């Protein structure tokens, strides 16, 4: 088969695997029952994100077998993703203490960084810096934060899936501009893996992603961003722009909660997207709004930065400014009544 067939095949595999996981979750009573911390009102099966994990990892093996993926990149993504997914899977089936989850998350980040040759050089106002050991440590923190913020932001129907699809769409366009076929395949494969699941997860969701899927997506998108930065230092800022909705909402909310002395790992409903979904009484409105913001606002900024037509820091500030405004408008981090 031609390699291009891998993408539609991955969508189909992800779709049918999600359906099988939904049937399993119903039979095994793996149901997310609404409570005071929930943003949904109907008991819904969970754990469907495993379909994303399996589809993507199998696709990685297919890319490597076809010679479209370097061995070190294969092992880096495969190992880091598997560790993150296993930690989330165990947490989905029975609570894992926060310290052990964090250890697993840093282990996944370290594995990925070792195989990807650590942190890439960083471009600041046109000058490229190699931060050495400090850069590697910051990269590990960056990966763990993305993993956890993806868990935090996976709280309403379709949101985490739409964010991943649009970020990978932007990532693929960046690679097309940079002429990097391998990275293009990776972004396309992740997009296809999530798309099959999104059919089931789009509001009103028939199954939830669970921590196995959200944690996997967080660290994979982080590693794809670092790999792209090895291609072009400006791509790091482009990927931060693509992930802007999640980065701004989660970071702003966490800072406000920490300033009040609340524990970072405690469940809550004080993200901007959660306030917005309650205000409008609809998950669909919020998810589609994020889709619109990503495609109309953030992807163009990411491409301008990636093509060198706009400085990375300048582009990031311009792209994030209205996102910060929205976080404030929808009271991100406000103590719940």
Protein backbone atom coordinates (compact mmCIF):
# COMPACT_ATOMS: atom_id res chain seq x y z
CA UNK A 1 0.00 0.00 0.00
CA UNK A 2 1.07 3.59 -0.46
CA UNK A 3 2.03 5.37 2.74
CA UNK A 4 -0.78 7.89 2.31
CA UNK A 5 -3.32 5.11 2.95
CA UNK A 6 -2.00 4.90 6.51
CA UNK A 7 -3.90 8.04 7.48
CA UNK A 8 -7.47 7.01 6.48
CA UNK A 9 -6.77 3.50 7.80
CA UNK A 10 -5.75 5.02 11.13
CA UNK A 11 -8.98 7.04 11.30
CA UNK A 12 -11.00 3.86 10.67
CA UNK A 13 -9.04 1.81 13.23
CA UNK A 14 -9.39 4.55 15.85
CA UNK A 15 -13.12 4.83 15.20
CA UNK A 16 -13.90 1.11 15.52
CA UNK A 17 -11.52 0.65 18.44
CA UNK A 18 -13.27 3.50 20.29
CA UNK A 19 -16.60 1.76 19.69
CA UNK A 20 -15.20 -1.49 21.09
CA UNK A 21 -13.82 0.32 24.13
CA UNK A 22 -17.22 1.93 24.71
CA UNK A 23 -18.89 -1.49 24.76
CA UNK A 24 -16.23 -2.77 27.14
CA UNK A 25 -16.61 0.26 29.44
CA UNK A 26 -20.37 -0.25 29.61
CA UNK A 27 -20.02 -3.95 30.40
CA UNK A 28 -17.30 -3.31 33.00
CA UNK A 29 -19.22 -0.38 34.58
CA UNK A 30 -16.41 2.05 33.74
CA UNK A 31 -18.78 4.98 33.89
CA UNK A 32 -18.03 8.59 34.72
CA UNK A 33 -20.89 9.48 37.05
CA UNK A 34 -21.60 13.24 37.37
CA UNK A 35 -20.70 14.86 40.69
CA UNK A 36 -20.16 18.35 42.12
CA UNK A 37 -16.85 18.65 40.24
CA UNK A 38 -18.17 17.45 36.88
CA UNK A 39 -19.04 19.52 33.82
CA UNK A 40 -21.40 16.88 32.45
CA UNK A 41 -24.83 15.75 33.63
CA UNK A 42 -25.22 12.30 32.02
CA UNK A 43 -23.30 9.16 33.16
CA UNK A 44 -20.87 8.42 30.32
CA UNK A 45 -18.38 5.60 29.61
CA UNK A 46 -14.71 6.57 29.93
CA UNK A 47 -11.37 5.26 28.71
CA UNK A 48 -11.87 5.82 24.99
CA UNK A 49 -8.53 7.60 24.70
CA UNK A 50 -6.85 4.20 24.63
CA UNK A 51 -7.97 4.04 20.99
CA UNK A 52 -5.88 7.14 20.26
CA UNK A 53 -2.87 5.58 22.00
CA UNK A 54 -3.07 2.25 20.17
CA UNK A 55 -3.80 3.80 16.77
CA UNK A 56 -0.90 6.23 17.00
CA UNK A 57 1.67 3.76 18.36
CA UNK A 58 0.79 1.15 15.72
CA UNK A 59 1.01 3.89 13.10
CA UNK A 60 4.49 4.80 14.37
CA UNK A 61 5.61 1.21 13.80
CA UNK A 62 4.16 1.31 10.28
CA UNK A 63 6.02 4.55 9.53
CA UNK A 64 9.27 3.09 10.84
CA UNK A 65 8.77 -0.12 8.83
CA UNK A 66 8.23 1.98 5.68
CA UNK A 67 11.44 3.91 6.35
CA UNK A 68 9.60 7.19 6.96
CA UNK A 69 10.62 7.49 10.62
CA UNK A 70 14.08 7.45 12.21
CA UNK A 71 14.63 4.71 14.80
CA UNK A 72 15.55 7.11 17.60
CA UNK A 73 12.39 9.14 17.03
CA UNK A 74 10.33 5.95 16.99
CA UNK A 75 11.68 4.79 20.35
CA UNK A 76 11.46 8.24 21.90
CA UNK A 77 7.82 8.79 21.01
CA UNK A 78 6.77 5.17 21.53
CA UNK A 79 8.37 4.83 24.97
CA UNK A 80 7.32 8.22 26.33
CA UNK A 81 3.78 7.82 25.06
CA UNK A 82 3.46 4.31 26.43
CA UNK A 83 4.68 5.35 29.90
CA UNK A 84 2.31 8.33 30.04
CA UNK A 85 -0.62 6.23 28.81
CA UNK A 86 0.06 3.45 31.34
CA UNK A 87 0.17 5.93 34.23
CA UNK A 88 -3.13 7.42 33.05
CA UNK A 89 -4.66 3.96 32.49
CA UNK A 90 -3.83 2.92 36.05
CA UNK A 91 -5.28 6.18 37.36
CA UNK A 92 -8.44 5.63 35.30
CA UNK A 93 -8.93 2.21 36.91
CA UNK A 94 -7.93 3.13 40.45
CA UNK A 95 -6.50 6.27 42.02
CA UNK A 96 -2.70 6.64 41.75
CA UNK A 97 -1.17 9.00 44.38
CA UNK A 98 -0.04 12.33 42.93
CA UNK A 99 3.65 11.79 43.76
CA UNK A 100 3.73 8.49 41.85
CA UNK A 101 1.88 10.00 38.91
CA UNK A 102 4.41 12.83 38.81
CA UNK A 103 7.30 10.35 38.94
CA UNK A 104 5.79 8.50 35.99
CA UNK A 105 5.30 11.75 34.09
CA UNK A 106 8.91 12.84 34.55
CA UNK A 107 10.08 9.34 33.59
CA UNK A 108 8.13 9.62 30.33
CA UNK A 109 9.58 13.09 29.69
CA UNK A 110 13.13 11.93 30.41
CA UNK A 111 12.75 8.92 28.11
CA UNK A 112 11.53 11.08 25.25
CA UNK A 113 14.22 13.71 25.71
CA UNK A 114 17.05 11.14 25.77
CA UNK A 115 15.98 9.67 22.44
CA UNK A 116 15.29 13.10 20.89
CA UNK A 117 18.77 14.39 21.85
CA UNK A 118 17.43 16.61 24.62
CA UNK A 119 16.23 20.17 24.37
CA UNK A 120 16.74 21.87 21.00
CA UNK A 121 18.26 25.36 20.66
CA UNK A 122 15.87 28.19 21.45
CA UNK A 123 15.46 31.33 19.36
CA UNK A 124 14.96 34.64 21.19
CA UNK A 125 14.54 37.82 19.13
CA UNK A 126 16.47 36.42 16.19
CA UNK A 127 19.34 34.94 18.24
CA UNK A 128 19.61 31.18 18.76
CA UNK A 129 20.68 29.96 22.21
CA UNK A 130 21.77 26.50 23.30
CA UNK A 131 20.82 26.30 26.99
CA UNK A 132 22.64 23.04 27.73
CA UNK A 133 21.67 21.24 30.97
CA UNK A 134 19.32 24.06 31.99
CA UNK A 135 17.54 23.66 28.67
CA UNK A 136 17.11 19.90 29.22
CA UNK A 137 15.61 20.47 32.69
CA UNK A 138 13.28 23.17 31.38
CA UNK A 139 12.23 20.87 28.54
CA UNK A 140 11.33 18.12 31.04
CA UNK A 141 9.22 20.56 33.07
CA UNK A 142 7.60 21.80 29.84
CA UNK A 143 6.63 18.24 28.84
CA UNK A 144 5.24 17.37 32.26
CA UNK A 145 3.27 20.62 32.36
CA UNK A 146 1.76 19.96 28.91
CA UNK A 147 0.85 16.42 29.99
CA UNK A 148 -0.92 17.66 33.10
CA UNK A 149 -2.57 20.69 31.55
CA UNK A 150 -4.06 18.37 28.93
CA UNK A 151 -5.53 16.33 31.79
CA UNK A 152 -6.88 19.55 33.35
CA UNK A 153 -8.40 20.78 30.09
CA UNK A 154 -10.11 17.50 29.18
CA UNK A 155 -13.29 18.44 31.00
CA UNK A 156 -16.03 18.96 28.41
CA UNK A 157 -17.15 17.05 25.32
CA UNK A 158 -14.79 17.19 22.37
CA UNK A 159 -12.52 19.97 23.66
CA UNK A 160 -9.25 18.04 24.07
CA UNK A 161 -9.84 16.22 20.79
CA UNK A 162 -10.50 19.41 18.82
CA UNK A 163 -7.41 21.03 20.34
CA UNK A 164 -5.24 18.09 19.26
CA UNK A 165 -6.70 17.97 15.74
CA UNK A 166 -6.20 21.68 15.10
CA UNK A 167 -2.73 21.76 16.67
CA UNK A 168 -1.64 18.85 14.46
CA UNK A 169 -3.18 20.53 11.44
CA UNK A 170 -1.07 23.59 12.16
CA UNK A 171 1.97 21.40 12.85
CA UNK A 172 1.55 19.66 9.51
CA UNK A 173 1.34 23.00 7.71
CA UNK A 174 4.54 24.14 9.46
CA UNK A 175 6.32 21.00 8.30
CA UNK A 176 5.04 21.46 4.78
CA UNK A 177 6.49 24.98 4.78
CA UNK A 178 9.78 23.66 6.16
CA UNK A 179 9.94 20.72 3.75
CA UNK A 180 10.18 18.15 6.56
CA UNK A 181 8.30 15.03 5.45
CA UNK A 182 8.90 12.95 8.59
CA UNK A 183 7.39 15.57 10.89
CA UNK A 184 4.50 15.99 8.47
CA UNK A 185 3.73 12.28 8.80
CA UNK A 186 3.83 12.45 12.59
CA UNK A 187 1.38 15.36 12.78
CA UNK A 188 -0.88 13.70 10.20
CA UNK A 189 -0.80 10.39 12.08
CA UNK A 190 -1.75 12.04 15.37
CA UNK A 191 -4.53 13.99 13.65
CA UNK A 192 -5.92 10.77 12.15
CA UNK A 193 -5.70 8.91 15.48
CA UNK A 194 -7.68 11.61 17.27
CA UNK A 195 -10.17 12.12 14.43
CA UNK A 196 -11.53 8.58 14.72
CA UNK A 197 -12.08 9.07 18.44
CA UNK A 198 -13.56 12.55 17.98
CA UNK A 199 -16.50 11.09 16.05
CA UNK A 200 -17.58 9.45 19.32
CA UNK A 201 -16.41 12.29 21.59
CA UNK A 202 -17.98 15.27 19.79
CA UNK A 203 -20.77 16.89 21.84
CA UNK A 204 -22.84 15.19 23.10
CA UNK A 205 -20.04 12.71 23.85
CA UNK A 206 -20.78 8.99 23.81
CA UNK A 207 -17.48 8.21 25.53
CA UNK A 208 -14.81 10.19 27.39
CA UNK A 209 -11.08 10.17 26.75
CA UNK A 210 -9.83 9.43 30.26
CA UNK A 211 -6.39 10.18 31.68
CA UNK A 212 -4.72 7.53 29.52
CA UNK A 213 -5.67 9.45 26.40
CA UNK A 214 -5.32 13.02 27.64
CA UNK A 215 -1.91 12.45 29.26
CA UNK A 216 -0.71 10.67 26.13
CA UNK A 217 -1.83 13.56 23.93
CA UNK A 218 -0.19 16.14 26.18
CA UNK A 219 3.27 14.60 26.14
CA UNK A 220 3.08 13.59 22.47
CA UNK A 221 2.20 17.10 21.36
CA UNK A 222 5.02 18.42 23.53
CA UNK A 223 7.52 16.04 21.96
CA UNK A 224 6.29 16.82 18.46
CA UNK A 225 6.89 20.49 19.25
CA UNK A 226 10.45 19.80 20.43
CA UNK A 227 11.16 17.62 17.40
CA UNK A 228 9.89 20.40 15.13
CA UNK A 229 12.15 22.87 16.96
CA UNK A 230 15.17 20.78 15.96
CA UNK A 231 14.07 21.45 12.37
CA UNK A 232 13.68 25.20 12.97
CA UNK A 233 14.11 27.00 16.32
CA UNK A 234 11.19 29.30 15.41
CA UNK A 235 8.84 26.29 15.37
CA UNK A 236 8.90 26.11 19.18
CA UNK A 237 7.05 29.41 19.38
CA UNK A 238 4.72 28.28 16.61
CA UNK A 239 3.72 25.19 18.59
CA UNK A 240 3.21 27.23 21.76
CA UNK A 241 0.87 29.44 19.74
CA UNK A 242 -1.01 26.42 18.38
CA UNK A 243 -1.56 25.15 21.94
CA UNK A 244 -2.38 28.64 23.21
CA UNK A 245 -5.99 28.07 24.34
CA UNK A 246 -4.95 25.23 26.66
CA UNK A 247 -1.71 26.86 27.82
CA UNK A 248 -3.33 30.18 28.76
CA UNK A 249 -6.45 28.77 30.42
CA UNK A 250 -4.63 26.08 32.41
CA UNK A 251 -1.69 28.28 33.44
CA UNK A 252 -3.81 31.29 34.43
CA UNK A 253 -6.15 29.04 36.42
CA UNK A 254 -3.33 27.21 38.18
CA UNK A 255 -1.55 30.41 39.20
CA UNK A 256 -4.70 31.85 40.75
CA UNK A 257 -5.42 28.61 42.62
CA UNK A 258 -1.86 28.31 43.92
CA UNK A 259 -1.92 31.93 45.13
CA UNK A 260 -4.96 30.97 47.24
CA UNK A 261 -3.07 28.02 48.68
CA UNK A 262 -5.11 25.35 46.89
CA UNK A 263 -3.51 22.05 45.86
CA UNK A 264 -2.65 21.83 42.17
CA UNK A 265 -3.82 18.22 41.78
CA UNK A 266 -7.26 18.66 43.38
CA UNK A 267 -10.26 18.39 41.06
CA UNK A 268 -12.16 21.61 40.40
CA UNK A 269 -14.37 23.40 37.88
CA UNK A 270 -12.70 26.81 37.73
CA UNK A 271 -11.13 26.80 34.26
CA UNK A 272 -12.38 29.43 31.85
CA UNK A 273 -13.80 26.79 29.50
CA UNK A 274 -15.79 25.29 32.40
CA UNK A 275 -17.24 28.65 33.42
CA UNK A 276 -18.06 29.33 29.76
CA UNK A 277 -19.80 25.97 29.29
CA UNK A 278 -21.98 26.65 32.35
CA UNK A 279 -22.71 30.22 31.24
CA UNK A 280 -23.86 29.13 27.78
CA UNK A 281 -25.31 25.82 28.96
CA UNK A 282 -23.52 24.02 26.14
CA UNK A 283 -20.33 22.04 25.61
CA UNK A 284 -20.80 22.26 21.86
CA UNK A 285 -20.70 26.08 21.81
CA UNK A 286 -17.42 26.20 23.74
CA UNK A 287 -15.76 23.40 21.76
CA UNK A 288 -16.75 24.95 18.42
CA UNK A 289 -15.55 28.35 19.65
CA UNK A 290 -12.13 26.87 20.43
CA UNK A 291 -12.11 25.27 16.98
CA UNK A 292 -12.79 28.69 15.45
CA UNK A 293 -10.13 30.45 17.56
CA UNK A 294 -7.53 27.85 16.64
CA UNK A 295 -8.18 27.84 12.91
CA UNK A 296 -8.88 31.54 12.30
CA UNK A 297 -6.55 33.15 14.86
CA UNK A 298 -3.82 30.86 16.18
CA UNK A 299 -2.85 28.82 13.10
CA UNK A 300 -2.19 31.96 10.97
CA UNK A 301 0.02 33.42 13.73
CA UNK A 302 1.89 30.11 14.05
CA UNK A 303 2.55 30.05 10.31
CA UNK A 304 3.74 33.66 10.28
CA UNK A 305 6.23 32.87 13.05
CA UNK A 306 7.29 29.56 11.48
CA UNK A 307 7.93 31.19 8.11
CA UNK A 308 10.10 33.90 9.69
CA UNK A 309 7.70 36.73 8.86
CA UNK A 310 7.08 37.47 12.53
CA UNK A 311 9.37 37.21 15.56
CA UNK A 312 8.50 34.31 17.86
CA UNK A 313 8.08 36.25 21.11
CA UNK A 314 6.20 39.05 19.36
CA UNK A 315 3.90 36.57 17.64
CA UNK A 316 3.29 34.71 20.90
CA UNK A 317 2.34 37.90 22.78
CA UNK A 318 0.04 39.04 19.98
CA UNK A 319 -1.63 35.63 19.70
CA UNK A 320 -2.02 35.20 23.46
CA UNK A 321 -3.36 38.69 24.23
CA UNK A 322 -7.02 37.95 23.39
CA UNK A 323 -6.72 34.53 25.06
CA UNK A 324 -5.70 36.21 28.32
CA UNK A 325 -8.64 38.58 27.90
CA UNK A 326 -10.99 35.61 27.50
CA UNK A 327 -9.47 33.88 30.54
CA UNK A 328 -10.18 37.00 32.60
CA UNK A 329 -13.64 37.48 31.07
CA UNK A 330 -14.69 33.93 31.93
CA UNK A 331 -13.15 34.15 35.42
CA UNK A 332 -10.49 31.46 35.03
CA UNK A 333 -9.24 30.39 38.45
CA UNK A 334 -12.03 32.08 40.40
CA UNK A 335 -12.93 30.23 43.59
CA UNK A 336 -16.09 28.21 43.04
CA UNK A 337 -19.18 29.08 45.03
